[in-house]
N, C-alpha and C. Protein backbone atom coordinates (compact mmCIF):
# COMPACT_ATOMS: atom_id res chain seq x y z
N UNK A 1 7.37 -0.60 19.29
CA UNK A 1 7.58 -0.64 17.92
C UNK A 1 6.50 0.21 17.28
N UNK A 2 6.80 0.89 16.28
CA UNK A 2 5.85 1.75 15.57
C UNK A 2 5.46 1.10 14.26
N UNK A 3 4.14 1.15 13.91
CA UNK A 3 3.64 0.77 12.61
C UNK A 3 3.12 1.86 11.88
N UNK A 4 3.11 1.73 10.51
CA UNK A 4 2.50 2.72 9.71
C UNK A 4 1.50 2.04 8.81
N UNK A 5 0.27 2.43 8.89
CA UNK A 5 -0.81 1.96 8.00
C UNK A 5 -1.32 3.11 7.33
N UNK A 6 -1.10 3.30 6.09
CA UNK A 6 -1.42 4.53 5.37
C UNK A 6 -2.61 4.37 4.51
N UNK A 7 -3.70 5.08 4.76
CA UNK A 7 -4.89 4.90 3.86
C UNK A 7 -4.65 5.64 2.51
N UNK A 8 -5.07 4.93 1.42
CA UNK A 8 -4.88 5.51 0.09
C UNK A 8 -6.28 5.54 -0.52
N UNK A 9 -6.42 6.47 -1.48
CA UNK A 9 -7.59 6.69 -2.25
C UNK A 9 -7.13 6.70 -3.71
N UNK A 10 -7.36 5.56 -4.40
CA UNK A 10 -6.92 5.48 -5.85
C UNK A 10 -7.59 6.52 -6.69
N UNK A 11 -8.72 7.06 -6.22
CA UNK A 11 -9.41 8.08 -7.10
C UNK A 11 -8.73 9.45 -7.18
N UNK A 12 -7.81 9.66 -6.19
CA UNK A 12 -7.05 10.88 -6.17
C UNK A 12 -5.91 10.81 -7.17
N UNK A 13 -5.62 11.83 -7.83
CA UNK A 13 -4.55 11.92 -8.87
C UNK A 13 -3.19 11.69 -8.29
N UNK A 14 -2.93 11.87 -7.04
CA UNK A 14 -1.57 11.76 -6.52
C UNK A 14 -1.34 10.32 -5.80
N UNK A 15 -2.33 9.47 -5.99
CA UNK A 15 -2.19 8.18 -5.23
C UNK A 15 -0.97 7.35 -5.70
N UNK A 16 -0.65 7.37 -6.96
CA UNK A 16 0.49 6.59 -7.41
C UNK A 16 1.86 7.13 -6.85
N UNK A 17 1.94 8.49 -6.88
CA UNK A 17 3.17 9.06 -6.33
C UNK A 17 3.23 8.82 -4.83
N UNK A 18 2.15 8.97 -4.15
CA UNK A 18 2.25 8.71 -2.64
C UNK A 18 2.64 7.24 -2.38
N UNK A 19 2.09 6.33 -3.15
CA UNK A 19 2.42 4.85 -2.94
C UNK A 19 3.87 4.64 -3.19
N UNK A 20 4.37 5.18 -4.32
CA UNK A 20 5.84 5.01 -4.61
C UNK A 20 6.69 5.64 -3.45
N UNK A 21 6.25 6.83 -2.96
CA UNK A 21 7.00 7.42 -1.93
C UNK A 21 7.05 6.54 -0.58
N UNK A 22 5.85 5.97 -0.29
CA UNK A 22 5.79 5.15 0.91
C UNK A 22 6.61 3.91 0.72
N UNK A 23 6.68 3.38 -0.50
CA UNK A 23 7.50 2.18 -0.79
C UNK A 23 8.91 2.51 -0.66
N UNK A 24 9.34 3.69 -1.07
CA UNK A 24 10.72 4.16 -0.90
C UNK A 24 11.06 4.31 0.59
N UNK A 25 10.18 4.83 1.34
CA UNK A 25 10.44 5.07 2.78
C UNK A 25 10.53 3.71 3.49
N UNK A 26 9.67 2.69 3.10
CA UNK A 26 9.82 1.41 3.62
C UNK A 26 11.07 0.78 3.33
N UNK A 27 11.57 0.87 2.16
CA UNK A 27 12.85 0.35 1.79
C UNK A 27 14.03 0.90 2.62
N UNK A 28 13.97 2.27 2.88
CA UNK A 28 14.92 2.95 3.62
C UNK A 28 14.95 2.70 5.09
N UNK A 29 13.71 2.74 5.69
CA UNK A 29 13.56 2.71 7.13
C UNK A 29 12.73 1.61 7.79
N UNK A 30 12.34 0.66 6.94
CA UNK A 30 11.54 -0.42 7.31
C UNK A 30 12.06 -1.27 8.51
N UNK A 31 13.41 -1.43 8.54
CA UNK A 31 14.07 -2.10 9.62
C UNK A 31 13.84 -1.59 10.99
N UNK A 32 13.43 -0.38 11.08
CA UNK A 32 13.27 0.23 12.47
C UNK A 32 11.82 0.40 12.83
N UNK A 33 10.99 -0.28 11.97
CA UNK A 33 9.51 -0.14 12.24
C UNK A 33 8.89 -1.56 12.36
N UNK A 34 7.72 -1.69 12.91
CA UNK A 34 7.08 -2.98 13.00
C UNK A 34 6.44 -3.40 11.68
N UNK A 35 5.68 -2.52 11.02
CA UNK A 35 5.12 -2.86 9.72
C UNK A 35 4.84 -1.50 8.98
N UNK A 36 4.91 -1.54 7.71
CA UNK A 36 4.46 -0.48 6.84
C UNK A 36 3.51 -1.00 5.81
N UNK A 37 2.30 -0.57 5.89
CA UNK A 37 1.25 -1.06 5.01
C UNK A 37 0.50 0.11 4.39
N UNK A 38 0.01 -0.04 3.19
CA UNK A 38 -0.93 0.92 2.53
C UNK A 38 -2.22 0.18 2.44
N UNK A 39 -3.30 0.88 2.57
CA UNK A 39 -4.66 0.31 2.63
C UNK A 39 -5.64 1.08 1.83
N UNK A 40 -6.61 0.34 1.22
CA UNK A 40 -7.68 1.06 0.52
C UNK A 40 -8.97 0.26 0.89
N UNK A 41 -10.10 0.98 0.75
CA UNK A 41 -11.44 0.35 1.04
C UNK A 41 -11.98 -0.03 -0.30
N UNK A 42 -12.44 -1.30 -0.42
CA UNK A 42 -13.08 -1.77 -1.56
C UNK A 42 -14.45 -2.19 -1.07
N UNK A 43 -15.48 -1.30 -1.25
CA UNK A 43 -16.76 -1.55 -0.63
C UNK A 43 -16.61 -1.57 0.84
N UNK A 44 -16.91 -2.61 1.50
CA UNK A 44 -16.79 -2.62 2.98
C UNK A 44 -15.52 -3.49 3.39
N UNK A 45 -14.67 -3.73 2.43
CA UNK A 45 -13.61 -4.58 2.76
C UNK A 45 -12.27 -3.79 2.65
N UNK A 46 -11.48 -3.82 3.73
CA UNK A 46 -10.19 -3.16 3.79
C UNK A 46 -9.13 -4.07 3.17
N UNK A 47 -8.51 -3.51 2.04
CA UNK A 47 -7.45 -4.32 1.45
C UNK A 47 -6.12 -3.64 1.64
N UNK A 48 -5.13 -4.42 2.14
CA UNK A 48 -3.76 -3.88 2.47
C UNK A 48 -2.70 -4.53 1.61
N UNK A 49 -1.63 -3.78 1.46
CA UNK A 49 -0.42 -4.33 0.87
C UNK A 49 0.70 -4.14 1.93
N UNK A 50 1.62 -5.03 2.07
CA UNK A 50 2.66 -5.00 2.99
C UNK A 50 3.97 -4.46 2.30
N UNK A 51 4.26 -3.20 2.54
CA UNK A 51 5.40 -2.59 1.88
C UNK A 51 6.77 -2.96 2.53
N UNK A 52 6.76 -3.85 3.55
CA UNK A 52 8.04 -4.42 4.07
C UNK A 52 8.42 -5.54 3.11
N UNK A 53 7.60 -6.08 2.33
CA UNK A 53 7.85 -7.12 1.32
C UNK A 53 8.55 -6.49 0.09
N UNK A 54 9.77 -6.89 -0.15
CA UNK A 54 10.53 -6.28 -1.18
C UNK A 54 9.98 -6.47 -2.54
N UNK A 55 9.27 -7.58 -2.80
CA UNK A 55 8.63 -7.82 -4.05
C UNK A 55 7.47 -6.84 -4.34
N UNK A 56 6.70 -6.59 -3.24
CA UNK A 56 5.61 -5.73 -3.31
C UNK A 56 6.11 -4.27 -3.58
N UNK A 57 7.19 -3.89 -2.88
CA UNK A 57 7.86 -2.58 -3.08
C UNK A 57 8.29 -2.37 -4.51
N UNK A 58 8.90 -3.39 -5.09
CA UNK A 58 9.28 -3.41 -6.51
C UNK A 58 8.15 -3.14 -7.44
N UNK A 59 7.04 -3.71 -7.11
CA UNK A 59 5.85 -3.51 -7.98
C UNK A 59 5.25 -2.07 -7.72
N UNK A 60 5.30 -1.62 -6.50
CA UNK A 60 4.87 -0.38 -6.17
C UNK A 60 5.62 0.78 -6.88
N UNK A 61 6.92 0.57 -7.06
CA UNK A 61 7.79 1.54 -7.71
C UNK A 61 7.31 1.70 -9.15
N UNK A 62 6.61 0.77 -9.71
CA UNK A 62 6.25 0.80 -11.10
C UNK A 62 4.88 1.48 -11.37
N UNK A 63 4.04 1.76 -10.26
CA UNK A 63 2.75 2.35 -10.50
C UNK A 63 2.85 3.64 -10.97
N UNK A 64 1.97 4.06 -11.96
CA UNK A 64 1.93 5.40 -12.56
C UNK A 64 0.55 6.00 -12.50
N UNK A 65 -0.46 5.18 -12.65
CA UNK A 65 -1.86 5.68 -12.69
C UNK A 65 -2.61 5.12 -11.51
N UNK A 66 -3.83 5.66 -11.37
CA UNK A 66 -4.77 5.18 -10.33
C UNK A 66 -5.10 3.75 -10.67
N UNK A 67 -5.30 3.40 -11.89
CA UNK A 67 -5.56 2.02 -12.24
C UNK A 67 -4.44 1.11 -11.79
N UNK A 68 -3.14 1.56 -11.90
CA UNK A 68 -2.04 0.76 -11.45
C UNK A 68 -2.16 0.53 -9.87
N UNK A 69 -2.53 1.57 -9.20
CA UNK A 69 -2.63 1.45 -7.77
C UNK A 69 -3.67 0.42 -7.42
N UNK A 70 -4.86 0.53 -8.03
CA UNK A 70 -5.90 -0.48 -7.76
C UNK A 70 -5.46 -1.92 -8.08
N UNK A 71 -4.65 -1.94 -9.20
CA UNK A 71 -4.24 -3.34 -9.61
C UNK A 71 -3.29 -3.97 -8.57
N UNK A 72 -2.40 -3.18 -8.02
CA UNK A 72 -1.44 -3.81 -7.03
C UNK A 72 -2.17 -4.22 -5.82
N UNK A 73 -3.24 -3.53 -5.45
CA UNK A 73 -3.94 -3.91 -4.20
C UNK A 73 -4.76 -5.21 -4.60
N UNK A 74 -5.33 -5.20 -5.79
CA UNK A 74 -6.17 -6.32 -6.23
C UNK A 74 -5.34 -7.64 -6.30
N UNK A 75 -4.10 -7.48 -6.90
CA UNK A 75 -3.30 -8.61 -7.18
C UNK A 75 -2.44 -9.08 -5.96
N UNK A 76 -2.02 -8.14 -5.13
CA UNK A 76 -1.11 -8.50 -4.00
C UNK A 76 -1.64 -8.26 -2.62
N UNK A 77 -2.84 -7.63 -2.56
CA UNK A 77 -3.40 -7.32 -1.30
C UNK A 77 -4.02 -8.41 -0.54
N UNK A 78 -4.05 -8.14 0.79
CA UNK A 78 -4.83 -9.10 1.75
C UNK A 78 -6.04 -8.20 2.18
N UNK A 79 -7.15 -9.01 2.46
CA UNK A 79 -8.32 -8.26 2.82
C UNK A 79 -8.86 -8.77 4.13
N UNK A 80 -9.70 -7.86 4.74
CA UNK A 80 -10.35 -8.20 5.97
C UNK A 80 -11.60 -7.40 5.99
N UNK A 81 -12.70 -8.02 6.23
CA UNK A 81 -14.03 -7.17 6.31
C UNK A 81 -13.90 -6.26 7.44
N UNK A 82 -14.36 -5.07 7.27
CA UNK A 82 -14.28 -3.94 8.29
C UNK A 82 -14.94 -4.35 9.57
N UNK A 83 -16.03 -5.16 9.47
CA UNK A 83 -16.84 -5.46 10.73
C UNK A 83 -16.34 -6.72 11.32
N UNK A 84 -15.35 -7.36 10.77
CA UNK A 84 -14.88 -8.69 11.29
C UNK A 84 -13.95 -8.50 12.43
């Protein structure tokens, strides 16, 4: 089974469009993959969102700005210390 874990950088101007595109891909092809996640680093903490979750995808389709991208990770993300 193949997984996709896509690193994002909310500071880049195209991060919202890329997140929406990955959410669209997850909706179309998620059934044939193990997991589809987007991830950002917040300090030393890796924060991920699960784009296999339809509710998170719905929120991802609404992101327009870098602030929106950061908000979805902050509100819906799970975190794990990089050194853990």
